[in-house]
């Protein structure tokens, strides 16, 4: 990301110099540290809007999410689904109680308000840029360009507000104002309800001004109409969930309205259903189930597909392969194996028939067909496109995560290796043969259609429409490759109760959306931290004796969870600068 910022700023500087010496229309004497001054960025003589476009592109960097963005680790490495392969990484602050008002690995507050300010500057000044239509092939839809740009910026701003909301609860809403040093910056937090209403209103206001789904390939990756509806669906899902829907831990009513609603209201789930159905009604988005033999995996390596609504895209590189694949490969295929998925996570994957391999008490579910001596046979196909496990075909050989194997050598020469017997496979290209990697596209989904179906299923179940929820989960399982079974229920039993279906849906989110920065926040909105995050973490120790492999589930440690971590602390320096802010419970 830093390299991209440097590239954009370098390109912008070069462009400004060209404008200076060829047009002689501006004299740059004092250039601000960033944005180069509104009169230069939003130049009335910039007929193509080139400089403004650079700045809009830079706003996209404020969209949160991305591969291994927490000190080189995925946020899911603090969710119980993985642990870092390295020691003493900052993502572990969330699971060892080291987060504080001065130490948070994801310091989002200041960065987001900087982004909101820059967005407001863009929206205030973009109408100054003429963007004259000179060549239809050069400026596609020129008459709509300014509308699209303004709508994109407005969407990015409201997405930043949602990211603030899910971390901190209610935050100060500043609207379109561009503050100066002379303004009163002592702005109190808005309530949670006010923030939810603002986000929903903004999504509705901006959606019809955004690009439609059939945009040219050159525009793919830009914000489109469906992203606004998907964001609305997500914020309404959070608002209806236990932590925020009257279930906050605060005893002080002043604090409680900042972090959620005062009282539970079951009808909030209906708004989630309506938003999901609105997205479905567009008729464009669908689960990626065509084009390659492995449809689920292709969703993350095909730049354009109808499941991705908005993604951070990284093209033509092997960065993920080099940081995440097993450590036992050499040359240009050398990899660091930085992420170790846990046995807890692997155990969450059902069998090919859709049945869970283990009962609630941890004993083997005999009916599922699971075999302790062959634990990866006949499993949900998503398992093999999410984690590397022993025996997986990669670069012309099988992965060896048994003790002393090439991918778990247990030597001082290999300083970093898997701690759990697994490596992260999701998002990587497909390299079962050969000896090296080739450049790949990598999609980190911000919104994809599968999430909307899961949101829909969760809301349907919560309002008592259990069988309708079963249908939605069936769609996802069918795409995954789970067998339908004689009753076409993909492993979901006839007569399932609402409580049982709730667990099915939560587990389906866990495996379908793994490593996409959902699990960390899902645990919080469900208020299940005491179960999911204050728990032992397990790995798989594999011992080879000749041609025989022995599998032993081993405990690696115990995660720690403090209930105050349901909400992040407002940073200390922000509390000092703005004395009207009220800190979250427990901090």
Protein backbone atom coordinates (compact mmCIF):
# COMPACT_ATOMS: atom_id res chain seq x y z
CA UNK A 1 0.00 0.00 0.00
CA UNK A 2 2.87 2.38 0.85
CA UNK A 3 4.42 1.67 -2.52
CA UNK A 4 1.16 2.52 -4.23
CA UNK A 5 0.89 5.78 -2.30
CA UNK A 6 4.43 6.70 -3.26
CA UNK A 7 3.68 5.87 -6.88
CA UNK A 8 0.53 7.99 -6.90
CA UNK A 9 2.23 10.95 -5.22
CA UNK A 10 5.25 10.63 -7.49
CA UNK A 11 3.05 10.56 -10.56
CA UNK A 12 1.09 13.52 -9.25
CA UNK A 13 4.27 15.53 -8.70
CA UNK A 14 5.43 14.76 -12.25
CA UNK A 15 2.09 15.79 -13.66
CA UNK A 16 2.13 19.07 -11.75
CA UNK A 17 5.59 19.86 -13.09
CA UNK A 18 4.40 19.26 -16.64
CA UNK A 19 1.46 21.57 -16.06
CA UNK A 20 3.78 24.20 -14.61
CA UNK A 21 6.29 24.30 -17.44
CA UNK A 22 4.02 23.67 -20.42
CA UNK A 23 0.90 25.63 -19.60
CA UNK A 24 2.51 28.39 -17.52
CA UNK A 25 -0.87 28.84 -15.91
CA UNK A 26 0.16 28.21 -12.31
CA UNK A 27 3.09 29.20 -10.20
CA UNK A 28 3.79 26.72 -7.44
CA UNK A 29 5.65 28.53 -4.69
CA UNK A 30 4.56 26.72 -1.54
CA UNK A 31 3.09 23.26 -1.94
CA UNK A 32 1.32 21.75 1.10
CA UNK A 33 2.59 18.43 2.38
CA UNK A 34 -0.33 16.58 0.82
CA UNK A 35 -3.05 17.41 -1.68
CA UNK A 36 -0.84 20.17 -3.16
CA UNK A 37 -3.51 22.83 -2.53
CA UNK A 38 -7.12 22.74 -3.68
CA UNK A 39 -6.51 25.20 -6.52
CA UNK A 40 -3.96 22.84 -8.05
CA UNK A 41 -5.80 19.58 -7.46
CA UNK A 42 -9.17 20.92 -8.60
CA UNK A 43 -7.85 22.98 -11.50
CA UNK A 44 -10.38 24.76 -13.71
CA UNK A 45 -7.98 24.23 -16.63
CA UNK A 46 -7.64 20.48 -16.07
CA UNK A 47 -10.00 19.50 -18.88
CA UNK A 48 -9.61 15.77 -18.28
CA UNK A 49 -9.67 15.93 -14.49
CA UNK A 50 -6.38 14.07 -14.40
CA UNK A 51 -5.09 15.50 -11.12
CA UNK A 52 -8.45 15.12 -9.40
CA UNK A 53 -8.57 11.50 -10.57
CA UNK A 54 -5.24 10.82 -8.88
CA UNK A 55 -6.67 12.14 -5.64
CA UNK A 56 -9.83 10.08 -5.95
CA UNK A 57 -7.68 7.00 -6.49
CA UNK A 58 -5.79 7.88 -3.34
CA UNK A 59 -9.07 7.99 -1.40
CA UNK A 60 -9.50 4.31 -2.21
CA UNK A 61 -6.52 3.64 0.04
CA UNK A 62 -8.72 4.59 2.99
CA UNK A 63 -11.01 1.64 2.34
CA UNK A 64 -10.11 -0.70 5.22
CA UNK A 65 -9.26 -4.34 4.80
CA UNK A 66 -6.55 -6.09 2.92
CA UNK A 67 -4.15 -8.97 3.06
CA UNK A 68 -2.17 -9.38 6.28
CA UNK A 69 -2.54 -5.71 7.20
CA UNK A 70 -2.03 -6.02 10.98
CA UNK A 71 1.74 -5.93 11.26
CA UNK A 72 2.04 -8.49 8.47
CA UNK A 73 -0.68 -10.77 9.85
CA UNK A 74 -4.32 -11.32 8.95
CA UNK A 75 -6.82 -10.00 11.49
CA UNK A 76 -8.20 -13.55 11.65
CA UNK A 77 -5.01 -14.50 13.48
CA UNK A 78 -6.71 -12.86 16.48
CA UNK A 79 -9.99 -14.74 16.06
CA UNK A 80 -9.03 -18.27 17.09
CA UNK A 81 -9.03 -19.43 13.47
CA UNK A 82 -5.29 -18.91 13.08
CA UNK A 83 -2.22 -17.82 14.97
CA UNK A 84 0.88 -16.07 13.61
CA UNK A 85 3.73 -18.36 12.62
CA UNK A 86 6.12 -15.74 13.97
CA UNK A 87 6.55 -14.97 17.65
CA UNK A 88 5.60 -11.75 19.43
CA UNK A 89 3.51 -10.16 16.70
CA UNK A 90 1.22 -7.20 17.34
CA UNK A 91 -1.94 -8.99 16.21
CA UNK A 92 -1.60 -11.11 19.35
CA UNK A 93 -2.35 -8.02 21.44
CA UNK A 94 -6.03 -8.84 20.91
CA UNK A 95 -5.67 -12.30 22.42
CA UNK A 96 -3.23 -11.57 25.26
CA UNK A 97 -4.88 -8.42 26.69
CA UNK A 98 -2.21 -5.98 25.55
CA UNK A 99 -4.57 -3.60 23.75
CA UNK A 100 -4.83 -0.26 25.52
CA UNK A 101 -5.72 3.37 24.86
CA UNK A 102 -2.15 3.93 23.68
CA UNK A 103 -1.51 0.58 22.01
CA UNK A 104 -3.87 -0.81 19.40
CA UNK A 105 -2.57 -2.72 16.35
CA UNK A 106 -5.43 -1.32 14.26
CA UNK A 107 -5.37 2.43 15.09
CA UNK A 108 -8.26 3.39 12.87
CA UNK A 109 -9.60 6.59 14.45
CA UNK A 110 -7.09 9.20 13.28
CA UNK A 111 -6.57 7.65 9.86
CA UNK A 112 -10.29 7.52 9.14
CA UNK A 113 -10.94 11.12 10.12
CA UNK A 114 -8.01 12.16 7.95
CA UNK A 115 -9.70 10.27 5.13
CA UNK A 116 -13.07 11.84 5.87
CA UNK A 117 -11.50 15.30 5.74
CA UNK A 118 -9.83 14.56 2.41
CA UNK A 119 -13.10 13.19 1.07
CA UNK A 120 -14.94 16.35 2.11
CA UNK A 121 -12.32 18.48 0.37
CA UNK A 122 -12.76 16.40 -2.77
CA UNK A 123 -16.56 16.67 -2.70
CA UNK A 124 -16.44 20.40 -2.05
CA UNK A 125 -14.16 21.14 -4.98
CA UNK A 126 -14.77 18.53 -7.67
CA UNK A 127 -17.35 20.72 -9.43
CA UNK A 128 -14.53 23.17 -10.21
CA UNK A 129 -12.98 20.62 -12.59
CA UNK A 130 -14.56 20.90 -16.05
CA UNK A 131 -13.92 17.33 -17.31
CA UNK A 132 -14.77 18.34 -20.87
CA UNK A 133 -15.76 15.59 -23.28
CA UNK A 134 -13.14 15.69 -26.01
CA UNK A 135 -12.96 12.10 -27.16
CA UNK A 136 -15.55 9.43 -26.41
CA UNK A 137 -12.87 6.75 -26.35
CA UNK A 138 -10.72 8.74 -23.94
CA UNK A 139 -13.43 9.77 -21.50
CA UNK A 140 -16.10 7.10 -21.22
CA UNK A 141 -19.43 8.51 -20.11
CA UNK A 142 -17.84 11.95 -19.71
CA UNK A 143 -21.11 13.61 -18.78
CA UNK A 144 -21.43 11.24 -15.84
CA UNK A 145 -17.79 11.28 -14.75
CA UNK A 146 -18.13 13.99 -12.14
CA UNK A 147 -21.30 12.37 -10.78
CA UNK A 148 -19.52 9.03 -10.47
CA UNK A 149 -16.45 10.53 -8.82
CA UNK A 150 -18.45 12.46 -6.28
CA UNK A 151 -20.56 9.39 -5.50
CA UNK A 152 -17.47 7.19 -5.12
CA UNK A 153 -15.95 9.65 -2.66
CA UNK A 154 -19.20 9.90 -0.72
CA UNK A 155 -19.42 6.11 -0.50
CA UNK A 156 -15.84 5.79 0.72
CA UNK A 157 -16.64 8.33 3.41
CA UNK A 158 -19.70 6.45 4.67
CA UNK A 159 -17.76 3.17 4.59
CA UNK A 160 -15.18 4.79 6.86
CA UNK A 161 -17.97 5.78 9.24
CA UNK A 162 -19.17 2.18 9.36
CA UNK A 163 -15.66 0.97 10.13
CA UNK A 164 -15.50 3.48 12.96
CA UNK A 165 -18.93 2.40 14.20
CA UNK A 166 -18.11 -1.30 14.44
CA UNK A 167 -14.93 -0.54 16.37
CA UNK A 168 -16.02 2.23 18.72
CA UNK A 169 -19.81 2.56 18.58
CA UNK A 170 -21.14 6.07 17.97
CA UNK A 171 -18.60 8.61 16.72
CA UNK A 172 -18.70 12.32 15.82
CA UNK A 173 -20.53 12.90 12.54
CA UNK A 174 -19.15 15.94 10.75
CA UNK A 175 -21.14 15.86 7.51
CA UNK A 176 -19.61 17.75 4.59
CA UNK A 177 -17.75 20.32 6.68
CA UNK A 178 -14.06 20.94 6.03
CA UNK A 179 -12.71 22.13 9.36
CA UNK A 180 -10.00 24.74 9.75
CA UNK A 181 -7.84 25.54 12.76
CA UNK A 182 -10.22 28.37 13.63
CA UNK A 183 -13.20 26.03 14.01
CA UNK A 184 -14.39 24.50 17.25
CA UNK A 185 -13.06 20.96 17.16
CA UNK A 186 -14.65 19.90 20.44
CA UNK A 187 -17.28 17.69 18.83
CA UNK A 188 -19.07 15.07 20.94
CA UNK A 189 -19.87 11.55 19.85
CA UNK A 190 -23.17 10.95 18.12
CA UNK A 191 -25.24 8.07 19.41
CA UNK A 192 -25.03 4.63 17.86
CA UNK A 193 -28.55 5.01 16.49
CA UNK A 194 -27.76 8.36 14.88
CA UNK A 195 -24.70 6.87 13.20
CA UNK A 196 -26.63 3.87 11.88
CA UNK A 197 -29.34 6.14 10.51
CA UNK A 198 -26.73 8.38 8.88
CA UNK A 199 -24.97 5.45 7.20
CA UNK A 200 -28.22 3.98 5.90
CA UNK A 201 -29.38 7.38 4.62
CA UNK A 202 -26.07 8.02 2.87
CA UNK A 203 -26.12 4.58 1.23
CA UNK A 204 -29.60 5.22 -0.11
CA UNK A 205 -28.66 8.72 -1.27
CA UNK A 206 -25.57 7.66 -3.17
CA UNK A 207 -26.52 4.30 -4.69
CA UNK A 208 -28.23 5.61 -7.83
CA UNK A 209 -25.35 7.98 -8.60
CA UNK A 210 -22.78 5.19 -8.70
CA UNK A 211 -21.72 3.15 -11.72
CA UNK A 212 -23.89 0.24 -12.76
CA UNK A 213 -22.68 -3.32 -12.68
CA UNK A 214 -21.98 -3.65 -16.42
CA UNK A 215 -19.10 -1.18 -16.29
CA UNK A 216 -16.16 -1.50 -18.71
CA UNK A 217 -13.26 -3.71 -17.69
CA UNK A 218 -11.11 -0.62 -17.22
CA UNK A 219 -13.42 0.61 -14.46
CA UNK A 220 -13.78 -2.73 -12.70
CA UNK A 221 -12.73 -2.40 -9.09
CA UNK A 222 -14.33 1.01 -8.69
CA UNK A 223 -17.30 1.45 -6.38
CA UNK A 224 -20.56 0.39 -8.02
CA UNK A 225 -24.20 0.63 -7.01
CA UNK A 226 -24.27 -2.78 -5.32
CA UNK A 227 -21.58 -1.74 -2.84
CA UNK A 228 -23.85 0.90 -1.31
CA UNK A 229 -26.66 -1.62 -0.87
CA UNK A 230 -24.27 -4.25 0.50
CA UNK A 231 -22.93 -1.74 3.04
CA UNK A 232 -26.48 -0.86 4.08
CA UNK A 233 -27.22 -4.56 4.57
CA UNK A 234 -24.08 -5.01 6.68
CA UNK A 235 -24.63 -2.04 8.97
CA UNK A 236 -28.23 -3.12 9.54
CA UNK A 237 -26.99 -6.64 10.36
CA UNK A 238 -24.65 -5.23 12.99
CA UNK A 239 -27.39 -2.99 14.36
CA UNK A 240 -29.72 -5.99 14.78
CA UNK A 241 -27.08 -8.20 16.42
CA UNK A 242 -26.95 -9.00 20.17
CA UNK A 243 -24.10 -6.65 21.14
CA UNK A 244 -25.70 -3.58 19.60
CA UNK A 245 -29.40 -4.46 19.74
CA UNK A 246 -29.93 -3.64 23.41
CA UNK A 247 -27.27 -6.07 24.59
CA UNK A 248 -24.44 -3.71 25.49
CA UNK A 249 -22.50 -4.28 28.71
CA UNK A 250 -22.73 -0.64 29.81
CA UNK A 251 -24.65 0.19 32.99
CA UNK A 252 -24.52 3.93 32.36
CA UNK A 253 -27.34 4.79 29.91
CA UNK A 254 -25.28 7.66 28.49
CA UNK A 255 -22.55 5.25 27.46
CA UNK A 256 -25.03 2.61 26.38
CA UNK A 257 -26.64 4.81 23.71
CA UNK A 258 -23.18 5.56 22.37
CA UNK A 259 -22.33 1.89 21.91
CA UNK A 260 -25.72 0.52 20.83
CA UNK A 261 -29.47 0.70 21.26
CA UNK A 262 -30.95 0.90 24.75
CA UNK A 263 -33.42 -1.92 24.14
CA UNK A 264 -33.75 -4.99 21.97
CA UNK A 265 -36.08 -4.73 18.96
CA UNK A 266 -36.65 -7.90 16.93
CA UNK A 267 -38.00 -5.91 13.99
CA UNK A 268 -34.50 -4.63 13.24
CA UNK A 269 -33.87 -7.95 11.51
CA UNK A 270 -36.58 -7.08 8.97
CA UNK A 271 -34.48 -4.18 7.72
CA UNK A 272 -31.61 -6.61 7.03
CA UNK A 273 -33.95 -8.83 5.03
CA UNK A 274 -35.18 -5.87 2.98
CA UNK A 275 -31.64 -4.71 2.18
CA UNK A 276 -30.54 -8.21 1.13
CA UNK A 277 -33.57 -8.56 -1.11
CA UNK A 278 -32.85 -5.15 -2.63
CA UNK A 279 -29.38 -6.31 -3.62
CA UNK A 280 -30.72 -9.57 -5.02
CA UNK A 281 -33.29 -7.67 -7.08
CA UNK A 282 -30.54 -6.04 -9.14
CA UNK A 283 -30.22 -9.41 -10.84
CA UNK A 284 -26.50 -9.13 -11.58
CA UNK A 285 -24.70 -10.59 -8.59
CA UNK A 286 -24.44 -14.33 -8.09
CA UNK A 287 -22.21 -16.94 -6.55
CA UNK A 288 -19.20 -17.61 -8.75
CA UNK A 289 -20.08 -21.05 -10.06
CA UNK A 290 -18.84 -21.05 -13.63
CA UNK A 291 -15.57 -20.68 -15.49
CA UNK A 292 -13.15 -23.01 -13.73
CA UNK A 293 -13.37 -26.39 -12.00
CA UNK A 294 -12.81 -24.74 -8.63
CA UNK A 295 -15.37 -21.97 -8.48
CA UNK A 296 -14.86 -20.93 -4.85
CA UNK A 297 -11.11 -20.47 -5.23
CA UNK A 298 -11.49 -18.62 -8.52
CA UNK A 299 -13.54 -15.94 -6.79
CA UNK A 300 -10.33 -14.67 -5.20
CA UNK A 301 -8.00 -14.98 -8.19
CA UNK A 302 -10.24 -13.82 -11.06
CA UNK A 303 -10.17 -10.05 -11.32
CA UNK A 304 -13.72 -9.73 -12.61
CA UNK A 305 -16.52 -12.03 -11.52
CA UNK A 306 -20.16 -11.52 -10.61
CA UNK A 307 -19.70 -12.48 -6.96
CA UNK A 308 -17.29 -9.68 -6.11
CA UNK A 309 -19.17 -6.46 -5.37
CA UNK A 310 -16.12 -4.51 -4.21
CA UNK A 311 -12.61 -5.73 -3.55
CA UNK A 312 -9.12 -4.49 -2.95
CA UNK A 313 -7.37 -5.89 -5.98
CA UNK A 314 -3.73 -6.75 -6.31
CA UNK A 315 -2.71 -7.83 -9.80
CA UNK A 316 0.28 -9.41 -11.48
CA UNK A 317 2.32 -10.41 -8.47
CA UNK A 318 3.21 -13.38 -6.29
CA UNK A 319 3.31 -11.53 -2.98
CA UNK A 320 0.76 -13.73 -1.23
CA UNK A 321 2.33 -16.92 -2.51
CA UNK A 322 5.71 -15.78 -1.20
CA UNK A 323 4.44 -14.76 2.24
CA UNK A 324 1.80 -17.43 2.94
CA UNK A 325 2.65 -20.71 1.18
CA UNK A 326 4.56 -23.50 3.00
CA UNK A 327 8.17 -22.84 3.87
CA UNK A 328 9.79 -25.87 2.27
CA UNK A 329 10.14 -24.59 -1.27
CA UNK A 330 13.24 -22.97 -2.76
CA UNK A 331 14.26 -20.47 -5.41
CA UNK A 332 11.55 -18.12 -6.68
CA UNK A 333 9.00 -20.32 -4.87
CA UNK A 334 10.54 -19.59 -1.48
CA UNK A 335 7.73 -18.81 0.93
CA UNK A 336 7.49 -17.58 4.50
CA UNK A 337 4.36 -19.39 5.74
CA UNK A 338 3.39 -16.51 8.02
CA UNK A 339 -0.09 -17.76 8.94
CA UNK A 340 -0.89 -20.94 10.89
CA UNK A 341 -4.60 -21.87 10.74
CA UNK A 342 -5.68 -23.70 13.89
CA UNK A 343 -7.13 -27.16 14.35
CA UNK A 344 -10.16 -25.40 15.85
CA UNK A 345 -10.75 -23.83 12.45
CA UNK A 346 -10.12 -27.02 10.47
CA UNK A 347 -12.57 -28.90 12.70
CA UNK A 348 -15.29 -26.39 11.76
CA UNK A 349 -15.41 -27.68 8.17
CA UNK A 350 -18.14 -30.26 7.61
CA UNK A 351 -17.81 -33.46 5.68
CA UNK A 352 -18.66 -33.71 2.00
CA UNK A 353 -22.16 -34.77 3.01
CA UNK A 354 -22.62 -31.56 5.01
CA UNK A 355 -22.53 -33.24 8.42
CA UNK A 356 -20.16 -31.96 11.09
CA UNK A 357 -17.31 -34.36 11.90
CA UNK A 358 -17.62 -33.76 15.64
CA UNK A 359 -20.45 -33.60 18.12
CA UNK A 360 -20.87 -30.65 20.48
CA UNK A 361 -18.93 -32.51 23.19
CA UNK A 362 -15.95 -33.06 20.88
CA UNK A 363 -16.57 -36.74 20.19
CA UNK A 364 -16.57 -38.01 16.62
CA UNK A 365 -19.90 -37.84 14.83
CA UNK A 366 -19.96 -41.39 13.50
CA UNK A 367 -22.80 -40.63 11.10
CA UNK A 368 -20.63 -38.07 9.31
CA UNK A 369 -18.11 -40.65 8.10
CA UNK A 370 -15.12 -38.87 9.65
CA UNK A 371 -11.98 -40.98 10.15
CA UNK A 372 -9.38 -39.96 12.74
CA UNK A 373 -6.71 -41.87 10.80
CA UNK A 374 -7.58 -40.07 7.55
CA UNK A 375 -8.92 -36.73 8.79
CA UNK A 376 -8.93 -34.84 5.49
CA UNK A 377 -10.79 -37.41 3.40
CA UNK A 378 -14.29 -36.55 2.17
CA UNK A 379 -14.32 -33.10 3.71
CA UNK A 380 -16.00 -29.91 2.53
CA UNK A 381 -14.02 -28.97 -0.63
CA UNK A 382 -13.52 -25.47 0.77
CA UNK A 383 -11.07 -26.93 3.29
CA UNK A 384 -8.51 -27.66 0.59
CA UNK A 385 -8.78 -24.19 -0.93
CA UNK A 386 -8.54 -22.47 2.44
CA UNK A 387 -5.66 -24.26 4.20
CA UNK A 388 -2.56 -26.17 3.22
CA UNK A 389 -2.52 -29.50 5.05
CA UNK A 390 -0.22 -32.48 4.99
CA UNK A 391 -0.46 -34.28 1.64
CA UNK A 392 -1.74 -31.30 -0.35
CA UNK A 393 -0.35 -31.13 -3.92
CA UNK A 394 1.76 -27.99 -4.44
CA UNK A 395 4.53 -27.21 -6.91
CA UNK A 396 5.04 -30.78 -8.01
CA UNK A 397 5.11 -32.47 -4.62
CA UNK A 398 2.95 -33.01 -1.58
CA UNK A 399 3.06 -30.65 1.37
CA UNK A 400 4.87 -32.18 4.35
CA UNK A 401 3.74 -30.80 7.70
CA UNK A 402 4.55 -33.93 9.66
CA UNK A 403 7.29 -33.52 12.26
CA UNK A 404 10.60 -33.15 10.41
CA UNK A 405 8.90 -32.82 7.03
CA UNK A 406 10.13 -30.35 4.47
CA UNK A 407 7.42 -27.86 5.46
CA UNK A 408 7.88 -28.35 9.20
CA UNK A 409 11.57 -29.15 9.54
CA UNK A 410 11.88 -28.10 13.21
CA UNK A 411 15.39 -26.76 12.63
CA UNK A 412 17.06 -23.50 13.59
CA UNK A 413 17.72 -22.85 9.91
CA UNK A 414 13.98 -22.35 9.36
CA UNK A 415 13.20 -19.65 11.89
CA UNK A 416 9.51 -19.46 10.95
CA UNK A 417 7.32 -22.46 10.24
CA UNK A 418 3.78 -23.58 10.94
CA UNK A 419 2.88 -23.90 14.62
CA UNK A 420 -0.30 -25.82 13.93
CA UNK A 421 0.43 -28.21 11.07
CA UNK A 422 -1.34 -25.95 8.56
CA UNK A 423 -0.64 -22.95 6.33
CA UNK A 424 -3.03 -20.46 4.73
CA UNK A 425 -4.08 -21.46 1.20
CA UNK A 426 -6.97 -19.06 0.54
CA UNK A 427 -6.44 -16.18 -1.95
CA UNK A 428 -3.38 -17.85 -3.52
CA UNK A 429 -3.09 -18.94 -7.14
CA UNK A 430 -3.37 -22.57 -8.17
CA UNK A 431 0.06 -24.21 -8.46
CA UNK A 432 -0.26 -27.99 -7.99
CA UNK A 433 2.52 -28.65 -10.50
CA UNK A 434 5.58 -26.85 -11.78
CA UNK A 435 8.42 -25.43 -9.75
CA UNK A 436 7.72 -21.72 -9.52
CA UNK A 437 4.94 -19.16 -9.21
CA UNK A 438 3.54 -17.02 -11.98
CA UNK A 439 1.96 -13.61 -11.48
CA UNK A 440 -1.60 -13.70 -10.14
CA UNK A 441 -4.57 -11.48 -9.47
CA UNK A 442 -5.60 -11.45 -5.81
CA UNK A 443 -8.98 -10.17 -4.63
CA UNK A 444 -9.50 -9.19 -1.02
CA UNK A 445 -13.29 -8.87 -0.87
CA UNK A 446 -14.76 -5.84 0.84
CA UNK A 447 -18.22 -7.03 -0.21
CA UNK A 448 -19.20 -10.18 -2.05
CA UNK A 449 -22.52 -11.79 -2.78
CA UNK A 450 -21.95 -14.79 -0.51
CA UNK A 451 -21.81 -12.45 2.49
CA UNK A 452 -25.16 -10.95 1.53
CA UNK A 453 -26.72 -14.43 1.35
CA UNK A 454 -25.30 -15.20 4.79
CA UNK A 455 -26.64 -11.90 6.16
CA UNK A 456 -29.99 -12.79 4.61
CA UNK A 457 -29.99 -16.28 6.13
CA UNK A 458 -29.11 -14.96 9.58
CA UNK A 459 -31.89 -12.39 9.52
CA UNK A 460 -34.45 -14.85 8.17
CA UNK A 461 -33.63 -17.27 10.95
CA UNK A 462 -33.87 -14.59 13.63
CA UNK A 463 -37.41 -13.67 12.56
CA UNK A 464 -38.42 -17.33 12.64
CA UNK A 465 -38.25 -18.12 8.92
CA UNK A 466 -35.98 -21.08 9.55
CA UNK A 467 -36.68 -23.00 6.34
CA UNK A 468 -36.07 -19.90 4.23
CA UNK A 469 -32.70 -19.62 5.96
CA UNK A 470 -31.99 -23.28 5.14
CA UNK A 471 -32.54 -22.48 1.46
CA UNK A 472 -29.93 -19.69 1.49
CA UNK A 473 -27.32 -21.85 3.21
CA UNK A 474 -28.09 -24.58 0.68
CA UNK A 475 -27.12 -22.22 -2.15
CA UNK A 476 -23.73 -21.58 -0.59
CA UNK A 477 -23.11 -25.23 0.20
CA UNK A 478 -24.09 -26.32 -3.30
CA UNK A 479 -21.51 -23.96 -4.80
CA UNK A 480 -18.93 -25.22 -2.33
CA UNK A 481 -19.37 -28.78 -3.60
CA UNK A 482 -21.26 -30.25 -0.65
CA UNK A 483 -23.53 -33.09 -1.81
CA UNK A 484 -27.25 -32.34 -1.75
CA UNK A 485 -28.28 -35.62 -0.15
CA UNK A 486 -31.53 -37.50 -0.69
CA UNK A 487 -33.57 -34.64 0.74
CA UNK A 488 -31.58 -31.86 -1.02
CA UNK A 489 -30.79 -30.15 2.29
CA UNK A 490 -26.99 -30.27 2.02
CA UNK A 491 -26.53 -31.89 5.41
CA UNK A 492 -29.04 -29.72 7.32
CA UNK A 493 -31.46 -31.99 9.13
CA UNK A 494 -35.21 -31.91 8.64
CA UNK A 495 -36.96 -30.20 11.54
CA UNK A 496 -33.95 -28.14 12.58
CA UNK A 497 -34.76 -25.62 15.32
CA UNK A 498 -34.05 -21.90 15.24
CA UNK A 499 -31.27 -22.24 17.83
CA UNK A 500 -29.66 -25.11 15.91
CA UNK A 501 -29.91 -23.20 12.65
CA UNK A 502 -28.29 -20.18 14.28
CA UNK A 503 -25.21 -22.31 14.96
CA UNK A 504 -25.23 -23.68 11.40
CA UNK A 505 -25.31 -20.14 9.99
CA UNK A 506 -22.56 -18.91 12.28
CA UNK A 507 -20.34 -21.83 11.36
CA UNK A 508 -21.07 -21.31 7.67
CA UNK A 509 -19.95 -17.68 7.97
CA UNK A 510 -16.81 -18.85 9.72
CA UNK A 511 -15.66 -21.11 6.90
CA UNK A 512 -17.10 -19.29 3.88
CA UNK A 513 -15.81 -15.83 4.88
CA UNK A 514 -12.59 -17.00 6.54
CA UNK A 515 -9.69 -14.52 6.53
CA UNK A 516 -11.88 -11.78 5.03
CA UNK A 517 -12.04 -9.87 8.35
CA UNK A 518 -15.49 -11.07 9.38
CA UNK A 519 -14.87 -13.62 12.14
CA UNK A 520 -13.09 -11.14 14.45
CA UNK A 521 -16.10 -8.81 14.31
CA UNK A 522 -18.78 -11.51 14.16
CA UNK A 523 -17.64 -12.87 17.52
CA UNK A 524 -18.06 -9.39 18.96
CA UNK A 525 -21.47 -8.59 17.50
CA UNK A 526 -22.74 -12.02 18.65
CA UNK A 527 -21.24 -11.47 22.13
CA UNK A 528 -19.60 -14.91 22.06
CA UNK A 529 -16.11 -13.77 23.07
CA UNK A 530 -16.23 -15.66 26.37
CA UNK A 531 -16.69 -18.90 24.41
CA UNK A 532 -14.81 -18.32 21.17
CA UNK A 533 -11.93 -16.15 22.37
CA UNK A 534 -11.29 -17.36 25.92
CA UNK A 535 -10.55 -20.87 24.75
CA UNK A 536 -7.71 -23.32 24.11
CA UNK A 537 -6.06 -23.23 20.70
CA UNK A 538 -5.16 -26.53 19.06
CA UNK A 539 -2.89 -27.73 16.31
CA UNK A 540 -2.28 -31.08 14.63
CA UNK A 541 0.93 -32.95 15.40
CA UNK A 542 1.63 -35.48 12.67
CA UNK A 543 4.23 -38.18 13.19
CA UNK A 544 5.52 -40.31 10.33
CA UNK A 545 6.80 -43.83 10.93
CA UNK A 546 7.70 -45.32 7.57
CA UNK A 547 4.58 -44.95 5.46
CA UNK A 548 2.28 -44.62 8.47
CA UNK A 549 1.07 -41.25 9.70
CA UNK A 550 -0.25 -40.69 13.21
CA UNK A 551 -2.40 -37.65 13.96
CA UNK A 552 -2.52 -36.10 17.42
CA UNK A 553 -4.54 -33.02 18.33
CA UNK A 554 -2.37 -30.92 20.66
CA UNK A 555 -3.13 -27.84 22.72
CA UNK A 556 -0.86 -24.90 21.89
CA UNK A 557 -2.13 -22.35 24.37
CA UNK A 558 -5.19 -20.53 25.64
CA UNK A 559 -6.53 -17.29 24.20
CA UNK A 560 -7.46 -14.49 26.57
CA UNK A 561 -10.47 -12.24 26.20
CA UNK A 562 -11.60 -9.24 28.20
CA UNK A 563 -15.25 -8.18 27.68
CA UNK A 564 -14.18 -4.56 27.30
CA UNK A 565 -12.72 -5.65 23.94
CA UNK A 566 -16.21 -5.90 22.52
CA UNK A 567 -15.54 -2.24 21.70
CA UNK A 568 -12.15 -0.75 20.91
CA UNK A 569 -10.73 2.04 23.10
CA UNK A 570 -10.78 5.56 21.73
CA UNK A 571 -7.08 6.49 21.50
CA UNK A 572 -5.67 8.46 24.41
CA UNK A 573 -4.40 11.33 22.28
CA UNK A 574 -7.84 11.76 20.70
CA UNK A 575 -9.39 11.96 24.17
CA UNK A 576 -6.87 14.65 25.10
CA UNK A 577 -7.47 16.69 21.95
CA UNK A 578 -11.26 16.45 22.17
CA UNK A 579 -12.39 16.60 25.79
CA UNK A 580 -16.06 16.12 24.87
CA UNK A 581 -15.42 12.50 23.88
CA UNK A 582 -16.71 9.82 26.26
CA UNK A 583 -14.50 6.75 26.50
CA UNK A 584 -15.93 3.27 25.96
CA UNK A 585 -16.78 0.98 28.87
CA UNK A 586 -13.77 -0.42 30.70
CA UNK A 587 -11.06 1.70 29.11
